Amino acid sequence: MAKRMNMVILLAAFAMALRGAEAALYVVGDALGWQNPPNSSFYSSWASSHNFAVGDTLLFNFTTGVHAVATVSQDAYNNCNTGNTLSVANTGPANITLNASGMHYYFCTFPGHCSIGQKLAVNVGLSPSFTPSPPGTTASPPPPPPPPRSSSASSNIVSNVALMWMSIVMGFMYI
């Protein structure tokens, strides 16, 4: 009985590791990172070029003491209201995991930074095939599915290897 329980725990841990292999890490702003943008639409353009899913992580690269990143409501985002933040990361770089679908809003809390465009709104889907709509647009018929995420090939390999190992382990349980 203890042997079977150990196998179940091992299989559960393996399944959780597989889920982690599917998540993506996005460096906000790519090479620019999280700083005063070259134009006010820089971060919205950056976000519109990515498909975010629950479990993905946003990496905000910034220098501590020069920038910060706050998680905020849509109203605070629209008005650059630093008086009503949900959370603030003052130490860079900062990782924020996207734990729920829907819109997520962020901005820099340093004076004037949000108003010049150091703010980010991301639309998070339930799965890697989710295609976001820019904030303020109406829904339209769904587009064709996007190309597979860059991690899909490795995820398939990992899934197949995991399935093979689970089959072997299950086979040994009944010997």
Protein backbone atom coordinates (compact mmCIF):
# COMPACT_ATOMS: atom_id res chain seq x y z
CA MET A 1 0.00 0.00 0.00
CA ALA A 2 2.82 2.43 0.88
CA LYS A 3 4.49 1.60 -2.44
CA ARG A 4 1.35 2.55 -4.35
CA MET A 5 0.95 5.77 -2.35
CA ASN A 6 4.55 6.75 -3.17
CA MET A 7 3.87 6.13 -6.86
CA VAL A 8 0.71 8.24 -6.76
CA ILE A 9 2.64 11.11 -5.12
CA LEU A 10 5.42 10.77 -7.70
CA LEU A 11 2.91 10.82 -10.55
CA ALA A 12 1.15 13.89 -9.12
CA ALA A 13 4.47 15.74 -8.82
CA PHE A 14 5.33 14.78 -12.38
CA ALA A 15 1.96 16.07 -13.61
CA MET A 16 2.52 19.42 -11.88
CA ALA A 17 5.97 19.66 -13.47
CA LEU A 18 4.39 19.08 -16.87
CA ARG A 19 2.00 21.99 -16.34
CA GLY A 20 4.96 24.22 -15.58
CA ALA A 21 6.56 23.21 -18.88
CA GLU A 22 3.61 24.70 -20.75
CA ALA A 23 3.81 28.16 -19.16
CA ALA A 24 5.70 30.90 -20.96
CA LEU A 25 7.99 33.60 -19.59
CA TYR A 26 7.59 37.02 -21.21
CA VAL A 27 10.19 39.75 -20.68
CA VAL A 28 8.04 42.88 -20.66
CA GLY A 29 9.26 45.22 -23.38
CA ASP A 30 11.76 42.61 -24.62
CA ALA A 31 15.21 44.25 -24.94
CA LEU A 32 13.96 47.63 -23.67
CA GLY A 33 12.68 46.12 -20.44
CA TRP A 34 10.52 48.08 -18.01
CA GLN A 35 11.53 51.73 -18.32
CA ASN A 36 10.34 55.01 -19.77
CA PRO A 37 9.17 53.98 -23.25
CA PRO A 38 10.20 55.63 -26.51
CA ASN A 39 6.51 56.44 -27.16
CA SER A 40 3.25 56.22 -25.24
CA SER A 41 2.00 53.18 -27.18
CA PHE A 42 5.15 51.07 -26.82
CA TYR A 43 3.88 48.67 -24.12
CA SER A 44 0.38 48.32 -25.62
CA SER A 45 1.99 47.41 -28.96
CA TRP A 46 4.27 44.95 -27.19
CA ALA A 47 1.32 43.29 -25.40
CA SER A 48 -0.76 43.03 -28.58
CA SER A 49 1.98 40.95 -30.19
CA HIS A 50 1.72 38.19 -27.56
CA ASN A 51 -0.90 35.64 -26.50
CA PHE A 52 -0.91 35.41 -22.72
CA ALA A 53 -2.34 32.41 -20.87
CA VAL A 54 -3.04 31.57 -17.25
CA GLY A 55 0.21 30.32 -15.72
CA ASP A 56 2.49 32.53 -17.85
CA THR A 57 4.92 34.85 -16.09
CA LEU A 58 5.70 38.49 -16.84
CA LEU A 59 9.30 39.49 -16.07
CA PHE A 60 9.63 43.22 -15.46
CA ASN A 61 13.32 44.11 -15.89
CA PHE A 62 14.05 47.39 -14.12
CA THR A 63 16.64 48.98 -11.89
CA THR A 64 15.68 49.11 -8.22
CA GLY A 65 15.18 52.70 -7.09
CA VAL A 66 14.55 53.97 -10.62
CA HIS A 67 11.29 52.17 -11.46
CA ALA A 68 8.68 49.94 -9.83
CA VAL A 69 5.74 47.91 -11.06
CA ALA A 70 2.28 48.10 -9.52
CA THR A 71 -0.68 45.84 -10.15
CA VAL A 72 -3.73 48.09 -10.41
CA SER A 73 -7.41 48.21 -11.32
CA GLN A 74 -8.58 49.34 -14.74
CA ASP A 75 -9.67 52.69 -13.30
CA ALA A 76 -6.30 53.29 -11.62
CA TYR A 77 -4.59 52.26 -14.88
CA ASN A 78 -6.69 54.63 -17.00
CA ASN A 79 -6.06 57.55 -14.61
CA CYS A 80 -2.48 56.67 -13.55
CA ASN A 81 -3.76 56.74 -9.96
CA THR A 82 -0.89 55.61 -7.73
CA GLY A 83 -2.98 56.07 -4.59
CA ASN A 84 -4.93 52.85 -5.11
CA THR A 85 -2.55 50.03 -6.06
CA LEU A 86 -3.31 46.35 -5.47
CA SER A 87 0.38 45.43 -5.05
CA VAL A 88 3.76 47.02 -5.77
CA ALA A 89 7.13 45.46 -6.55
CA ASN A 90 9.90 47.96 -5.78
CA THR A 91 12.83 45.61 -6.35
CA GLY A 92 13.83 44.71 -9.88
CA PRO A 93 13.62 42.49 -11.71
CA ALA A 94 10.11 41.46 -10.70
CA ASN A 95 8.19 38.35 -11.76
CA ILE A 96 4.40 38.38 -11.87
CA THR A 97 2.57 35.14 -12.63
CA LEU A 98 -0.73 35.47 -14.48
CA ASN A 99 -3.06 33.44 -12.25
CA ALA A 100 -6.43 34.33 -13.74
CA SER A 101 -7.95 35.03 -17.14
CA GLY A 102 -9.13 38.48 -18.14
CA MET A 103 -7.50 41.89 -18.17
CA HIS A 104 -4.51 42.64 -15.94
CA TYR A 105 -3.15 46.17 -15.46
CA TYR A 106 0.31 47.40 -14.40
CA PHE A 107 2.20 50.68 -14.26
CA CYS A 108 5.30 52.29 -12.84
CA THR A 109 4.58 54.19 -9.61
CA PHE A 110 7.39 56.74 -10.03
CA PRO A 111 6.03 60.26 -10.62
CA GLY A 112 5.19 60.94 -14.26
CA HIS A 113 6.22 57.53 -15.57
CA CYS A 114 2.69 56.19 -16.08
CA SER A 115 1.53 59.36 -17.82
CA ILE A 116 4.29 59.04 -20.45
CA GLY A 117 3.29 55.44 -21.19
CA GLN A 118 5.11 53.19 -18.71
CA LYS A 119 2.01 51.11 -18.24
CA LEU A 120 0.89 47.73 -19.46
CA ALA A 121 -2.51 46.07 -19.96
CA VAL A 122 -2.54 42.37 -20.85
CA ASN A 123 -5.47 40.18 -21.78
CA VAL A 124 -4.98 36.70 -20.34
CA GLY A 125 -6.69 33.69 -21.89
CA LEU A 126 -7.48 30.33 -20.37
CA SER A 127 -5.25 28.38 -22.71
CA PRO A 128 -2.29 28.91 -25.03
CA SER A 129 -4.65 29.12 -28.03
CA PHE A 130 -6.49 32.17 -26.63
CA THR A 131 -6.26 35.25 -28.87
CA PRO A 132 -6.58 38.55 -26.94
CA SER A 133 -8.60 41.55 -28.05
CA PRO A 134 -7.10 44.98 -27.38
CA PRO A 135 -8.76 46.86 -24.50
CA GLY A 136 -11.88 48.78 -25.54
CA THR A 137 -12.70 46.72 -28.64
CA THR A 138 -15.81 44.69 -29.25
CA ALA A 139 -15.73 40.97 -29.79
CA SER A 140 -15.65 39.69 -33.36
CA PRO A 141 -15.81 36.19 -34.82
CA PRO A 142 -12.88 34.12 -33.62
CA PRO A 143 -9.83 34.22 -35.88
CA PRO A 144 -8.15 31.05 -37.10
CA PRO A 145 -6.04 29.39 -34.43
CA PRO A 146 -2.64 31.01 -33.89
CA PRO A 147 0.52 29.07 -34.67
CA PRO A 148 1.66 26.79 -31.85
CA ARG A 149 3.55 28.42 -29.01
CA SER A 150 7.29 27.96 -29.18
CA SER A 151 7.15 25.59 -26.25
CA SER A 152 4.52 23.30 -27.83
CA ALA A 153 7.00 20.95 -29.50
CA SER A 154 8.97 20.51 -26.31
CA SER A 155 5.73 20.16 -24.33
CA ASN A 156 4.60 17.35 -26.64
CA ILE A 157 7.91 15.57 -26.20
CA VAL A 158 7.75 16.01 -22.43
CA SER A 159 4.15 14.77 -22.40
CA ASN A 160 5.01 11.69 -24.45
CA VAL A 161 8.01 10.87 -22.25
CA ALA A 162 5.89 11.36 -19.13
CA LEU A 163 3.19 9.08 -20.52
CA MET A 164 5.80 6.44 -21.28
CA TRP A 165 7.26 6.65 -17.74
CA MET A 166 3.83 6.57 -16.12
CA SER A 167 2.99 3.45 -18.13
CA ILE A 168 6.22 1.79 -16.98
CA VAL A 169 5.62 2.76 -13.34
CA MET A 170 2.02 1.54 -13.46
CA GLY A 171 3.24 -1.72 -14.98
CA PHE A 172 5.67 -2.25 -12.08
CA MET A 173 2.89 -1.61 -9.57
CA TYR A 174 1.13 -4.76 -10.69
CA ILE A 175 4.15 -7.08 -10.86
